[in-house]
Amino acid sequence: MACSVAQKNLGKQYLLNVLQSANINPGCTMTSQVSKMDYERKQDQLRKQNKDFKKKRKQLRNVRSSKDSRLESRDGTVYESGSTLSLDPEVINAASIQKAEIYQFEQQVPQFCFRKARRYQTFNPGFEYNFVIYDTETNCGGKKAELVELSAFCHGTGDSFTKFVLPQHDINIYVSNINKFHIASFGNERVLHRNGFALQTVSLPECLLSFANFLKSTSATIKNATSKPVKIFLIGHKANAFDTPLLIRSIAKCTKTEPKFKELDLLFVDSLVLIRHLLKENNQLLRKTDGSIPKENLRDIYKCLFQSEFDNSHQGLADVMALDKVLFQSKLGLTTEQIVNNSNTMILSTVQEDVQYLDKAHERLLTFNNRLYDDSDNSIIKKSLAKKLADSGLSFSDLRKLYSSTGPRGVAALLAIPPSTSKGKSPRGTKCCITLQKIINFLKTLT
């Protein structure tokens, strides 16, 4: 203890003092070495007192803290005092399992799957682009949304399209407050209204067929004025997140309409991606009068460019006409090449593939609900981890069957070790032993 205190207060010099008090000559080599160590200690103290060093130390501490927070938000608690004492040996030894045994475990569950990288199209001067701006209104949000209104405007011909569809389910009250649609019942008859006026509706297949014919007729008109092949360019604001998947799901429901759309040379575009690109480039035209950056929604972008608001927001055709004005009649002066190359342009098959993957992953995610995860703080795993399992191709029943046939060893190995068919190093689930033990304990209660 005395040595520790002396070294802290005096540095290595205390060694020389001790030897001298014992009448031992330390010698020039030791004296030189002690002086060198004390010099390094002094320089280290000065370095740590530096403002830049303290700033960097704080940044690194924040990075470590945020990394731990991300892990805990995804996997749950990653450390508990004395946790290893209660862990199953199979969980601890999961990382040492041989590849041949892992392959056997993988044969008992669906093959590992992942979301494929989207293939974006680029501008081709050999094509003529038929720009069609479209928008949808629905009865609710999410994957259960049903089409209520489909509107479009062809920039090249000036033709417009609007159809209303009576959804099978009633309109969510919060959605109704935004788009002003509601359904009134007269006896056994349901009627779609907007702002108190009854609307003429068509069936979903009829709406989609009419839309396909509208796209075909506008392309034919444009083709008469050019010798180039025509591609239909479907543009929507925030379309990748909502409008495009909704349209794809609606087409999939009405199998007779799918061939009609496949005949068309369709490209799907999200104008939100284009706006974000312009904002990232610090485009000075996208600045409010006070110099601030507008929000990414269509209303704010329109107001920024034209110093006024457009009427009837969230009413299909009004939104469509506003977006057409932003893209083709504003001071942005966008060229066809800019729009095509900076809007994540995708062909129909790519969009269908992506939507199909997301829908299947969502179905698998629902199998974990109220089992391994729920909305409470006592959930066994976080929703993000359940989503990761679902995205990889696993459902809850797959984990349960795997536990029944292989026990804790199979579950721990499958979730903690990267799939043999994947080039990446990320596991299908998590490497956190505590989370793996919780999953195994829950599966054990079901056997």
Protein backbone atom coordinates (compact mmCIF):
# COMPACT_ATOMS: atom_id res chain seq x y z
CA MET A 1 0.00 0.00 0.00
CA ALA A 2 2.86 2.38 0.92
CA CYS A 3 4.51 1.71 -2.47
CA SER A 4 1.28 2.51 -4.30
CA VAL A 5 0.86 5.80 -2.46
CA ALA A 6 4.52 6.73 -3.00
CA GLN A 7 4.35 5.95 -6.74
CA LYS A 8 1.19 8.03 -7.09
CA ASN A 9 2.66 11.05 -5.25
CA LEU A 10 6.35 10.87 -6.14
CA GLY A 11 6.45 8.82 -9.30
CA LYS A 12 9.18 6.21 -9.84
CA GLN A 13 11.57 8.45 -7.90
CA TYR A 14 10.49 6.67 -4.73
CA LEU A 15 12.48 3.60 -5.83
CA LEU A 16 15.71 5.58 -5.71
CA ASN A 17 14.76 7.01 -2.31
CA VAL A 18 14.12 3.54 -0.90
CA LEU A 19 17.47 2.21 -2.14
CA GLN A 20 19.36 5.24 -0.84
CA SER A 21 17.73 4.93 2.60
CA ALA A 22 18.98 1.32 2.68
CA ASN A 23 22.51 2.50 1.77
CA ILE A 24 22.30 0.88 -1.67
CA ASN A 25 23.68 2.74 -4.65
CA PRO A 26 21.02 2.59 -7.43
CA GLY A 27 23.57 3.07 -10.19
CA CYS A 28 23.45 5.24 -13.30
CA THR A 29 21.38 2.76 -15.37
CA MET A 30 18.55 2.61 -12.87
CA THR A 31 18.70 6.37 -12.25
CA SER A 32 18.46 6.99 -15.99
CA GLN A 33 15.55 4.54 -16.39
CA VAL A 34 13.63 6.09 -13.47
CA SER A 35 14.10 9.57 -14.93
CA LYS A 36 12.82 8.32 -18.30
CA MET A 37 9.71 6.72 -16.74
CA ASP A 38 8.98 9.87 -14.72
CA TYR A 39 9.33 12.00 -17.86
CA GLU A 40 6.87 9.79 -19.76
CA ARG A 41 4.47 9.93 -16.80
CA LYS A 42 4.67 13.72 -16.74
CA GLN A 43 4.03 13.98 -20.49
CA ASP A 44 1.08 11.61 -20.19
CA GLN A 45 -0.42 13.80 -17.45
CA LEU A 46 -0.01 16.90 -19.61
CA ARG A 47 -1.59 15.13 -22.58
CA LYS A 48 -4.63 14.09 -20.53
CA GLN A 49 -5.09 17.64 -19.27
CA ASN A 50 -5.29 18.88 -22.86
CA LYS A 51 -8.70 20.18 -23.97
CA ASP A 52 -8.65 18.19 -27.26
CA PHE A 53 -7.86 14.96 -25.39
CA LYS A 54 -10.79 15.48 -23.01
CA LYS A 55 -13.10 16.24 -25.93
CA LYS A 56 -12.01 13.10 -27.77
CA ARG A 57 -12.38 10.98 -24.61
CA LYS A 58 -15.93 12.23 -24.17
CA GLN A 59 -16.75 11.44 -27.82
CA LEU A 60 -15.43 7.89 -27.47
CA ARG A 61 -17.40 7.42 -24.25
CA ASN A 62 -20.56 8.56 -26.04
CA VAL A 63 -19.85 6.17 -28.93
CA ARG A 64 -19.50 3.24 -26.53
CA SER A 65 -22.62 4.28 -24.66
CA SER A 66 -24.69 4.64 -27.85
CA LYS A 67 -23.41 1.26 -29.09
CA ASP A 68 -24.54 -0.38 -25.84
CA SER A 69 -27.90 1.41 -26.12
CA ARG A 70 -28.39 0.17 -29.68
CA LEU A 71 -27.61 -3.39 -28.65
CA GLU A 72 -30.01 -3.21 -25.71
CA SER A 73 -32.77 -1.65 -27.81
CA ARG A 74 -32.43 -4.51 -30.30
CA ASP A 75 -31.53 -7.53 -28.15
CA GLY A 76 -32.68 -6.50 -24.67
CA THR A 77 -30.42 -6.60 -21.61
CA VAL A 78 -26.91 -7.60 -22.70
CA TYR A 79 -25.33 -7.73 -19.24
CA GLU A 80 -26.51 -8.80 -15.80
CA SER A 81 -24.43 -9.34 -12.70
CA GLY A 82 -23.75 -13.06 -12.21
CA SER A 83 -25.64 -13.96 -15.39
CA THR A 84 -23.16 -16.65 -16.46
CA LEU A 85 -23.97 -18.68 -13.33
CA SER A 86 -27.51 -19.35 -14.58
CA LEU A 87 -26.74 -19.84 -18.29
CA ASP A 88 -27.25 -23.18 -19.99
CA PRO A 89 -23.85 -24.67 -20.99
CA GLU A 90 -25.25 -25.21 -24.50
CA VAL A 91 -25.77 -21.44 -24.81
CA ILE A 92 -22.25 -20.66 -23.65
CA ASN A 93 -20.72 -23.24 -26.01
CA ALA A 94 -22.85 -22.28 -29.05
CA ALA A 95 -19.94 -20.50 -30.75
CA SER A 96 -17.78 -23.64 -30.70
CA ILE A 97 -20.24 -25.80 -32.67
CA GLN A 98 -18.81 -27.28 -35.87
CA LYS A 99 -20.09 -26.26 -39.31
CA ALA A 100 -21.35 -29.77 -40.10
CA GLU A 101 -23.62 -29.71 -37.05
CA ILE A 102 -24.85 -26.20 -37.85
CA TYR A 103 -25.77 -27.38 -41.34
CA GLN A 104 -27.89 -30.16 -39.79
CA PHE A 105 -29.73 -27.62 -37.66
CA GLU A 106 -30.34 -25.38 -40.69
CA GLN A 107 -31.95 -28.27 -42.56
CA GLN A 108 -34.77 -28.33 -40.00
CA VAL A 109 -35.87 -24.72 -40.55
CA PRO A 110 -36.69 -22.63 -43.66
CA GLN A 111 -33.70 -21.46 -45.66
CA PHE A 112 -32.12 -18.15 -44.71
CA CYS A 113 -33.58 -15.28 -46.74
CA PHE A 114 -32.84 -11.58 -46.94
CA ARG A 115 -34.15 -8.46 -48.62
CA LYS A 116 -32.46 -8.18 -51.99
CA ALA A 117 -30.80 -4.92 -52.96
CA ARG A 118 -33.11 -2.87 -55.15
CA ARG A 119 -31.98 -2.47 -58.74
CA TYR A 120 -32.42 1.15 -59.79
CA GLN A 121 -32.77 2.24 -63.41
CA THR A 122 -30.81 5.11 -64.95
CA PHE A 123 -31.68 7.59 -67.67
CA ASN A 124 -31.55 6.25 -71.23
CA PRO A 125 -31.73 8.84 -74.05
CA GLY A 126 -32.99 6.10 -76.37
CA PHE A 127 -36.38 6.11 -74.63
CA GLU A 128 -39.23 8.61 -74.45
CA TYR A 129 -40.61 8.93 -70.90
CA ASN A 130 -44.34 9.23 -70.29
CA PHE A 131 -44.52 11.03 -66.92
CA VAL A 132 -47.68 10.06 -65.03
CA ILE A 133 -48.09 11.51 -61.53
CA TYR A 134 -50.37 9.44 -59.30
CA ASP A 135 -51.71 9.39 -55.76
CA THR A 136 -53.89 7.12 -53.65
CA GLU A 137 -56.25 7.58 -50.72
CA THR A 138 -57.16 4.67 -48.43
CA ASN A 139 -59.44 3.63 -45.59
CA CYS A 140 -56.58 3.14 -43.09
CA GLY A 141 -52.79 2.89 -42.83
CA GLY A 142 -50.51 -0.12 -42.88
CA LYS A 143 -50.66 -3.33 -44.88
CA LYS A 144 -54.42 -3.73 -44.37
CA ALA A 145 -55.15 -0.49 -46.24
CA GLU A 146 -57.74 -0.69 -49.04
CA LEU A 147 -57.83 1.61 -52.03
CA VAL A 148 -60.53 4.31 -51.86
CA GLU A 149 -59.33 6.78 -54.49
CA LEU A 150 -56.84 6.47 -57.34
CA SER A 151 -55.90 9.65 -59.18
CA ALA A 152 -53.38 10.35 -61.93
CA PHE A 153 -52.30 13.05 -64.35
CA CYS A 154 -50.29 12.56 -67.54
CA HIS A 155 -47.84 15.44 -67.94
CA GLY A 156 -47.26 14.74 -71.64
CA THR A 157 -50.89 14.70 -72.78
CA GLY A 158 -52.64 16.70 -70.04
CA ASP A 159 -55.13 13.87 -69.43
CA SER A 160 -56.31 13.14 -65.87
CA PHE A 161 -57.78 10.07 -64.18
CA THR A 162 -59.84 9.64 -61.01
CA LYS A 163 -61.78 6.63 -59.73
CA PHE A 164 -63.38 5.95 -56.36
CA VAL A 165 -63.63 2.47 -54.82
CA LEU A 166 -65.93 1.42 -51.98
CA PRO A 167 -63.67 -0.46 -49.51
CA GLN A 168 -64.84 -3.66 -47.81
CA HIS A 169 -64.06 -2.23 -44.36
CA ASP A 170 -65.09 1.11 -42.89
CA ILE A 171 -62.78 4.11 -42.98
CA ASN A 172 -60.64 4.74 -39.92
CA ILE A 173 -61.82 7.85 -38.09
CA TYR A 174 -58.33 9.41 -38.01
CA VAL A 175 -57.85 8.79 -41.75
CA SER A 176 -61.34 10.16 -42.42
CA ASN A 177 -60.41 13.42 -40.64
CA ILE A 178 -57.54 13.83 -43.13
CA ASN A 179 -58.97 12.72 -46.49
CA LYS A 180 -62.63 13.63 -45.66
CA PHE A 181 -63.99 10.27 -46.85
CA HIS A 182 -66.66 8.45 -44.86
CA ILE A 183 -69.11 5.64 -45.52
CA ALA A 184 -72.83 6.04 -44.84
CA SER A 185 -75.20 3.07 -44.62
CA PHE A 186 -78.76 3.14 -45.92
CA GLY A 187 -80.30 -0.16 -44.96
CA ASN A 188 -78.03 -2.82 -46.46
CA GLU A 189 -76.41 -0.37 -48.88
CA ARG A 190 -73.11 1.35 -48.12
CA VAL A 191 -72.33 4.63 -49.90
CA LEU A 192 -69.00 6.46 -50.09
CA HIS A 193 -69.17 10.17 -49.24
CA ARG A 194 -66.73 13.06 -49.22
CA ASN A 195 -67.59 16.33 -47.54
CA GLY A 196 -71.24 15.25 -47.41
CA PHE A 197 -71.55 14.42 -51.14
CA ALA A 198 -72.19 10.87 -52.36
CA LEU A 199 -69.57 9.57 -54.82
CA GLN A 200 -69.96 7.19 -57.73
CA THR A 201 -67.78 4.15 -57.04
CA VAL A 202 -66.51 1.20 -59.05
CA SER A 203 -65.13 -2.19 -58.05
CA LEU A 204 -61.40 -2.56 -57.42
CA PRO A 205 -60.80 -4.68 -60.58
CA GLU A 206 -62.70 -2.14 -62.68
CA CYS A 207 -60.68 0.71 -61.21
CA LEU A 208 -57.36 -1.03 -61.94
CA LEU A 209 -58.39 -1.99 -65.48
CA SER A 210 -59.44 1.59 -66.18
CA PHE A 211 -56.09 2.81 -64.84
CA ALA A 212 -54.17 0.34 -67.02
CA ASN A 213 -56.14 1.52 -70.07
CA PHE A 214 -55.47 5.15 -69.12
CA LEU A 215 -51.71 4.47 -68.99
CA LYS A 216 -51.85 2.60 -72.29
CA SER A 217 -53.81 5.33 -74.09
CA THR A 218 -51.51 8.15 -72.89
CA SER A 219 -48.45 6.18 -74.00
CA ALA A 220 -50.04 5.59 -77.41
CA THR A 221 -50.63 9.33 -77.80
CA ILE A 222 -47.01 10.13 -76.92
CA LYS A 223 -45.72 7.34 -79.17
CA ASN A 224 -47.48 8.94 -82.17
CA ALA A 225 -45.25 12.00 -81.74
CA THR A 226 -41.91 10.15 -81.46
CA SER A 227 -40.00 7.28 -83.02
CA LYS A 228 -38.52 6.21 -79.67
CA PRO A 229 -39.99 3.42 -77.51
CA VAL A 230 -42.06 4.85 -74.64
CA LYS A 231 -41.61 4.03 -70.95
CA ILE A 232 -44.35 4.91 -68.45
CA PHE A 233 -42.91 6.81 -65.51
CA LEU A 234 -45.24 6.52 -62.48
CA ILE A 235 -44.34 9.24 -59.96
CA GLY A 236 -45.74 9.55 -56.44
CA HIS A 237 -44.63 11.48 -53.37
CA LYS A 238 -43.57 9.03 -50.61
CA ALA A 239 -44.71 6.35 -53.04
CA ASN A 240 -42.07 3.77 -52.05
CA ALA A 241 -43.40 3.68 -48.50
CA PHE A 242 -47.13 3.55 -49.23
CA ASP A 243 -48.65 4.23 -52.67
CA THR A 244 -46.55 1.80 -54.70
CA PRO A 245 -46.89 -1.18 -52.29
CA LEU A 246 -50.64 -0.48 -52.06
CA LEU A 247 -50.96 -0.51 -55.86
CA ILE A 248 -48.91 -3.72 -56.14
CA ARG A 249 -51.01 -5.47 -53.47
CA SER A 250 -54.22 -4.33 -55.15
CA ILE A 251 -53.02 -5.71 -58.49
CA ALA A 252 -52.08 -9.01 -56.81
CA LYS A 253 -55.62 -9.29 -55.36
CA CYS A 254 -57.17 -8.86 -58.80
CA THR A 255 -55.31 -11.52 -60.77
CA LYS A 256 -57.09 -10.62 -64.02
CA THR A 257 -55.56 -7.15 -63.98
CA GLU A 258 -51.94 -8.26 -63.50
CA PRO A 259 -51.31 -9.22 -67.18
CA LYS A 260 -52.55 -5.76 -68.22
CA PHE A 261 -49.92 -4.02 -66.11
CA LYS A 262 -47.16 -6.43 -67.14
CA GLU A 263 -47.82 -5.50 -70.77
CA LEU A 264 -46.96 -1.90 -69.96
CA ASP A 265 -43.34 -0.75 -69.66
CA LEU A 266 -43.74 0.63 -66.14
CA LEU A 267 -41.17 2.45 -64.01
CA PHE A 268 -41.97 3.34 -60.38
CA VAL A 269 -40.53 6.51 -58.89
CA ASP A 270 -40.61 8.28 -55.51
CA SER A 271 -40.36 12.08 -55.73
CA LEU A 272 -39.48 12.20 -52.01
CA VAL A 273 -36.10 10.63 -52.85
CA LEU A 274 -35.55 13.34 -55.47
CA ILE A 275 -36.43 16.12 -53.00
CA ARG A 276 -34.06 14.64 -50.41
CA HIS A 277 -31.31 14.54 -53.03
CA LEU A 278 -31.85 18.23 -53.82
CA LEU A 279 -31.85 19.15 -50.12
CA LYS A 280 -28.66 17.15 -49.57
CA GLU A 281 -27.02 19.09 -52.40
CA ASN A 282 -27.96 22.27 -50.52
CA ASN A 283 -30.13 23.53 -53.38
CA GLN A 284 -30.73 27.20 -52.58
CA LEU A 285 -34.07 27.18 -54.44
CA LEU A 286 -35.45 24.93 -51.70
CA ARG A 287 -35.22 27.55 -49.00
CA LYS A 288 -37.99 29.42 -47.21
CA THR A 289 -38.03 33.22 -47.11
CA ASP A 290 -36.30 33.11 -43.70
CA GLY A 291 -33.56 30.86 -45.11
CA SER A 292 -34.69 27.69 -43.32
CA ILE A 293 -35.11 24.29 -45.00
CA PRO A 294 -38.72 23.17 -45.66
CA LYS A 295 -40.11 19.87 -44.49
CA GLU A 296 -40.15 17.01 -47.02
CA ASN A 297 -43.94 16.78 -47.33
CA LEU A 298 -45.59 17.98 -50.54
CA ARG A 299 -47.48 20.86 -48.90
CA ASP A 300 -44.30 22.43 -47.47
CA ILE A 301 -42.29 21.96 -50.69
CA TYR A 302 -45.09 23.52 -52.75
CA LYS A 303 -45.39 26.49 -50.38
CA CYS A 304 -41.61 27.00 -50.46
CA LEU A 305 -41.48 27.08 -54.27
CA PHE A 306 -44.66 29.06 -55.02
CA GLN A 307 -45.14 31.10 -51.82
CA SER A 308 -48.72 29.82 -51.54
CA GLU A 309 -50.61 26.70 -50.51
CA PHE A 310 -52.63 24.45 -52.79
CA ASP A 311 -56.26 23.72 -51.98
CA ASN A 312 -57.81 20.34 -51.11
CA SER A 313 -54.70 18.67 -49.73
CA HIS A 314 -55.05 14.87 -49.36
CA GLN A 315 -57.60 14.82 -52.16
CA GLY A 316 -56.06 12.69 -54.89
CA LEU A 317 -56.21 14.88 -57.99
CA ALA A 318 -55.26 18.05 -56.07
CA ASP A 319 -52.11 16.36 -54.72
CA VAL A 320 -51.29 15.04 -58.19
CA MET A 321 -51.58 18.45 -59.85
CA ALA A 322 -49.49 20.05 -57.09
CA LEU A 323 -46.70 17.49 -57.55
CA ASP A 324 -46.78 17.99 -61.35
CA LYS A 325 -46.33 21.71 -60.78
CA VAL A 326 -43.40 21.15 -58.39
CA LEU A 327 -41.57 18.83 -60.78
CA PHE A 328 -42.24 20.48 -64.14
CA GLN A 329 -43.40 24.07 -63.62
CA SER A 330 -41.27 25.32 -60.72
CA LYS A 331 -38.03 27.27 -60.57
CA LEU A 332 -36.18 24.00 -59.88
CA GLY A 333 -35.97 23.48 -63.65
CA LEU A 334 -35.53 19.71 -63.37
CA THR A 335 -34.50 17.75 -66.46
CA THR A 336 -35.73 14.26 -67.35
CA GLU A 337 -32.26 12.88 -66.62
CA GLN A 338 -32.21 14.44 -63.14
CA ILE A 339 -35.62 13.01 -62.29
CA VAL A 340 -34.84 9.49 -63.55
CA ASN A 341 -31.37 9.22 -61.99
CA ASN A 342 -32.20 10.67 -58.56
CA SER A 343 -35.58 9.10 -57.73
CA ASN A 344 -34.78 5.40 -57.11
CA THR A 345 -36.43 4.35 -60.36
CA MET A 346 -37.51 0.67 -60.38
CA ILE A 347 -39.18 -1.66 -62.86
CA LEU A 348 -42.41 -3.51 -62.01
CA SER A 349 -40.78 -6.91 -61.31
CA THR A 350 -38.32 -5.38 -58.81
CA VAL A 351 -41.14 -3.65 -56.92
CA GLN A 352 -43.26 -6.81 -56.87
CA GLU A 353 -40.32 -8.84 -55.53
CA ASP A 354 -39.65 -6.33 -52.77
CA VAL A 355 -43.30 -6.02 -51.69
CA GLN A 356 -43.72 -9.81 -51.67
CA TYR A 357 -40.67 -10.22 -49.41
CA LEU A 358 -41.90 -7.53 -46.99
CA ASP A 359 -45.40 -8.99 -46.78
CA LYS A 360 -44.13 -12.51 -46.05
CA ALA A 361 -41.70 -11.17 -43.43
CA HIS A 362 -44.58 -9.27 -41.79
CA GLU A 363 -46.69 -12.44 -41.63
CA ARG A 364 -43.83 -14.26 -39.90
CA LEU A 365 -43.39 -11.33 -37.48
CA LEU A 366 -47.02 -11.63 -36.39
CA THR A 367 -46.36 -15.22 -35.25
CA PHE A 368 -44.01 -13.88 -32.52
CA ASN A 369 -46.59 -11.40 -31.20
CA ASN A 370 -47.85 -12.15 -27.68
CA ARG A 371 -45.35 -15.00 -27.47
CA LEU A 372 -41.71 -13.94 -27.52
CA TYR A 373 -42.53 -10.24 -27.71
CA ASP A 374 -45.35 -7.86 -26.86
CA ASP A 375 -45.73 -4.14 -26.23
CA SER A 376 -44.97 -4.37 -22.50
CA ASP A 377 -41.64 -3.70 -20.79
CA ASN A 378 -41.52 -7.34 -19.69
CA SER A 379 -41.36 -8.68 -23.24
CA ILE A 380 -38.90 -11.59 -23.58
CA ILE A 381 -37.25 -10.06 -26.65
CA LYS A 382 -37.50 -6.69 -28.36
CA LYS A 383 -39.69 -6.24 -31.42
CA SER A 384 -36.58 -5.33 -33.46
CA LEU A 385 -35.06 -8.76 -32.72
CA ALA A 386 -38.34 -10.49 -33.58
CA LYS A 387 -38.36 -8.56 -36.86
CA LYS A 388 -34.78 -9.64 -37.54
CA LEU A 389 -35.77 -13.29 -37.05
CA ALA A 390 -38.82 -12.86 -39.30
CA ASP A 391 -36.77 -11.10 -41.99
CA SER A 392 -34.34 -14.03 -42.00
CA GLY A 393 -37.17 -16.46 -42.79
CA LEU A 394 -37.98 -17.78 -39.30
CA SER A 395 -41.42 -17.92 -37.71
CA PHE A 396 -42.22 -18.77 -34.09
CA SER A 397 -43.38 -22.27 -35.06
CA ASP A 398 -40.00 -22.89 -36.74
CA LEU A 399 -38.16 -22.10 -33.48
CA ARG A 400 -40.53 -24.27 -31.51
CA LYS A 401 -40.04 -27.26 -33.84
CA LEU A 402 -36.27 -26.76 -33.77
CA TYR A 403 -36.23 -26.78 -29.97
CA SER A 404 -38.35 -29.96 -29.89
CA SER A 405 -35.91 -31.81 -32.16
CA THR A 406 -32.50 -30.38 -31.17
CA GLY A 407 -32.98 -28.82 -27.74
CA PRO A 408 -31.16 -25.69 -26.49
CA ARG A 409 -28.04 -26.52 -28.51
CA GLY A 410 -29.81 -26.21 -31.88
CA VAL A 411 -31.66 -22.99 -31.03
CA ALA A 412 -28.55 -21.31 -29.59
CA ALA A 413 -26.40 -22.29 -32.57
CA LEU A 414 -28.96 -21.25 -35.20
CA LEU A 415 -29.57 -17.82 -33.65
CA ALA A 416 -26.00 -16.97 -32.58
CA ILE A 417 -23.93 -18.14 -35.57
CA PRO A 418 -24.08 -16.56 -39.07
CA PRO A 419 -25.95 -18.75 -41.60
CA SER A 420 -23.73 -21.03 -43.68
CA THR A 421 -25.38 -19.72 -46.86
CA SER A 422 -24.67 -16.08 -46.03
CA LYS A 423 -21.50 -14.18 -46.90
CA GLY A 424 -22.08 -11.76 -44.03
CA LYS A 425 -20.97 -12.10 -40.42
CA SER A 426 -24.26 -11.12 -38.82
CA PRO A 427 -26.15 -13.91 -37.01
CA ARG A 428 -29.73 -14.80 -37.75
CA GLY A 429 -30.69 -13.68 -34.25
CA THR A 430 -28.30 -12.49 -31.56
CA LYS A 431 -25.02 -13.44 -29.90
CA CYS A 432 -26.22 -12.15 -26.53
CA CYS A 433 -26.20 -15.15 -24.15
CA ILE A 434 -28.77 -13.60 -21.81
CA THR A 435 -31.30 -13.09 -24.63
CA LEU A 436 -30.65 -16.59 -26.00
CA GLN A 437 -31.25 -18.06 -22.54
CA LYS A 438 -34.57 -16.18 -22.23
CA ILE A 439 -35.73 -17.54 -25.60
CA ILE A 440 -34.75 -21.09 -24.65
CA ASN A 441 -36.42 -20.83 -21.24
CA PHE A 442 -39.68 -19.71 -22.89
CA LEU A 443 -39.56 -22.54 -25.45
CA LYS A 444 -38.88 -24.96 -22.61
CA THR A 445 -42.16 -23.96 -20.91
CA LEU A 446 -44.08 -24.95 -24.05
CA THR A 447 -42.80 -28.56 -24.17
